[in-house]
């Protein structure tokens, strides 16, 4: 997999982050809130790691 392909996948994942944030705002989420928080943390970590690994690639 080349860096440009990975970058496209990262952009796709980032675009779905807002759905998780919106879900987190639901008052009746219950214990699922833990999983949603974990998913958001993992997305943020993934994006950070991508940016550290490929600092020269421009954001799409």
C-alpha atoms as a PDB file:
ATOM      1  CA  UNK A   1       0.000   0.000   0.000  1.00  0.00           C
ATOM      2  CA  UNK A   2       1.457   3.366  -0.953  1.00  0.00           C
ATOM      3  CA  UNK A   3       1.270   6.513   1.213  1.00  0.00           C
ATOM      4  CA  UNK A   4      -1.350   8.136  -1.034  1.00  0.00           C
ATOM      5  CA  UNK A   5      -3.683   5.164  -0.643  1.00  0.00           C
ATOM      6  CA  UNK A   6      -3.223   5.229   3.110  1.00  0.00           C
ATOM      7  CA  UNK A   7      -3.876   8.967   3.097  1.00  0.00           C
ATOM      8  CA  UNK A   8      -7.159   8.456   1.227  1.00  0.00           C
ATOM      9  CA  UNK A   9      -8.233   5.860   3.805  1.00  0.00           C
ATOM     10  CA  UNK A  10      -7.323   8.197   6.675  1.00  0.00           C
ATOM     11  CA  UNK A  11      -9.424  10.955   5.119  1.00  0.00           C
ATOM     12  CA  UNK A  12     -12.339   8.533   4.811  1.00  0.00           C
ATOM     13  CA  UNK A  13     -12.012   7.504   8.451  1.00  0.00           C
ATOM     14  CA  UNK A  14     -11.776  11.126   9.567  1.00  0.00           C
ATOM     15  CA  UNK A  15     -14.954  11.961   7.662  1.00  0.00           C
ATOM     16  CA  UNK A  16     -16.838   9.403   9.745  1.00  0.00           C
ATOM     17  CA  UNK A  17     -15.543  10.767  13.053  1.00  0.00           C
ATOM     18  CA  UNK A  18     -18.301  13.367  13.202  1.00  0.00           C
ATOM     19  CA  UNK A  19     -20.905  10.585  13.227  1.00  0.00           C
ATOM     20  CA  UNK A  20     -19.357   9.192  16.401  1.00  0.00           C
ATOM     21  CA  UNK A  21     -19.249  12.645  17.985  1.00  0.00           C
ATOM     22  CA  UNK A  22     -22.923  13.125  17.167  1.00  0.00           C
ATOM     23  CA  UNK A  23     -23.716   9.696  18.599  1.00  0.00           C
ATOM     24  CA  UNK A  24     -21.901  10.614  21.788  1.00  0.00           C
ATOM     25  CA  UNK A  25     -24.356  13.483  22.275  1.00  0.00           C
ATOM     26  CA  UNK A  26     -27.262  11.045  22.622  1.00  0.00           C
ATOM     27  CA  UNK A  27     -28.454  10.965  26.235  1.00  0.00           C
ATOM     28  CA  UNK A  28     -29.656   7.344  26.103  1.00  0.00           C
ATOM     29  CA  UNK A  29     -26.377   5.826  24.939  1.00  0.00           C
ATOM     30  CA  UNK A  30     -25.757   3.923  28.163  1.00  0.00           C
ATOM     31  CA  UNK A  31     -22.667   1.749  28.341  1.00  0.00           C
ATOM     32  CA  UNK A  32     -22.170   2.079  24.578  1.00  0.00           C
ATOM     33  CA  UNK A  33     -20.720   5.514  25.411  1.00  0.00           C
ATOM     34  CA  UNK A  34     -17.512   3.766  26.514  1.00  0.00           C
ATOM     35  CA  UNK A  35     -17.126   2.100  23.116  1.00  0.00           C
ATOM     36  CA  UNK A  36     -17.848   5.325  21.235  1.00  0.00           C
ATOM     37  CA  UNK A  37     -15.246   7.166  23.310  1.00  0.00           C
ATOM     38  CA  UNK A  38     -12.741   4.409  22.626  1.00  0.00           C
ATOM     39  CA  UNK A  39     -13.416   4.568  18.887  1.00  0.00           C
ATOM     40  CA  UNK A  40     -12.874   8.345  18.889  1.00  0.00           C
ATOM     41  CA  UNK A  41      -9.594   7.952  20.765  1.00  0.00           C
ATOM     42  CA  UNK A  42      -8.409   5.308  18.320  1.00  0.00           C
ATOM     43  CA  UNK A  43      -9.301   7.458  15.316  1.00  0.00           C
ATOM     44  CA  UNK A  44      -7.392  10.377  16.827  1.00  0.00           C
ATOM     45  CA  UNK A  45      -4.400   8.136  17.544  1.00  0.00           C
ATOM     46  CA  UNK A  46      -4.471   6.745  14.015  1.00  0.00           C
ATOM     47  CA  UNK A  47      -4.513  10.216  12.474  1.00  0.00           C
ATOM     48  CA  UNK A  48      -1.696  11.387  14.754  1.00  0.00           C
ATOM     49  CA  UNK A  49       0.408   8.360  13.876  1.00  0.00           C
ATOM     50  CA  UNK A  50      -0.201   8.898  10.167  1.00  0.00           C
ATOM     51  CA  UNK A  51       0.877  12.539  10.451  1.00  0.00           C
ATOM     52  CA  UNK A  52       4.045  11.549  12.334  1.00  0.00           C
ATOM     53  CA  UNK A  53       4.862   8.816   9.826  1.00  0.00           C
ATOM     54  CA  UNK A  54       4.185  10.904   6.710  1.00  0.00           C
ATOM     55  CA  UNK A  55       4.792  14.527   7.769  1.00  0.00           C
ATOM     56  CA  UNK A  56       5.422  15.676   4.190  1.00  0.00           C
ATOM     57  CA  UNK A  57       2.072  14.547   2.801  1.00  0.00           C
ATOM     58  CA  UNK A  58      -0.417  17.349   2.475  1.00  0.00           C
ATOM     59  CA  UNK A  59      -3.851  16.933   3.990  1.00  0.00           C
ATOM     60  CA  UNK A  60      -6.571  16.344   1.413  1.00  0.00           C
END
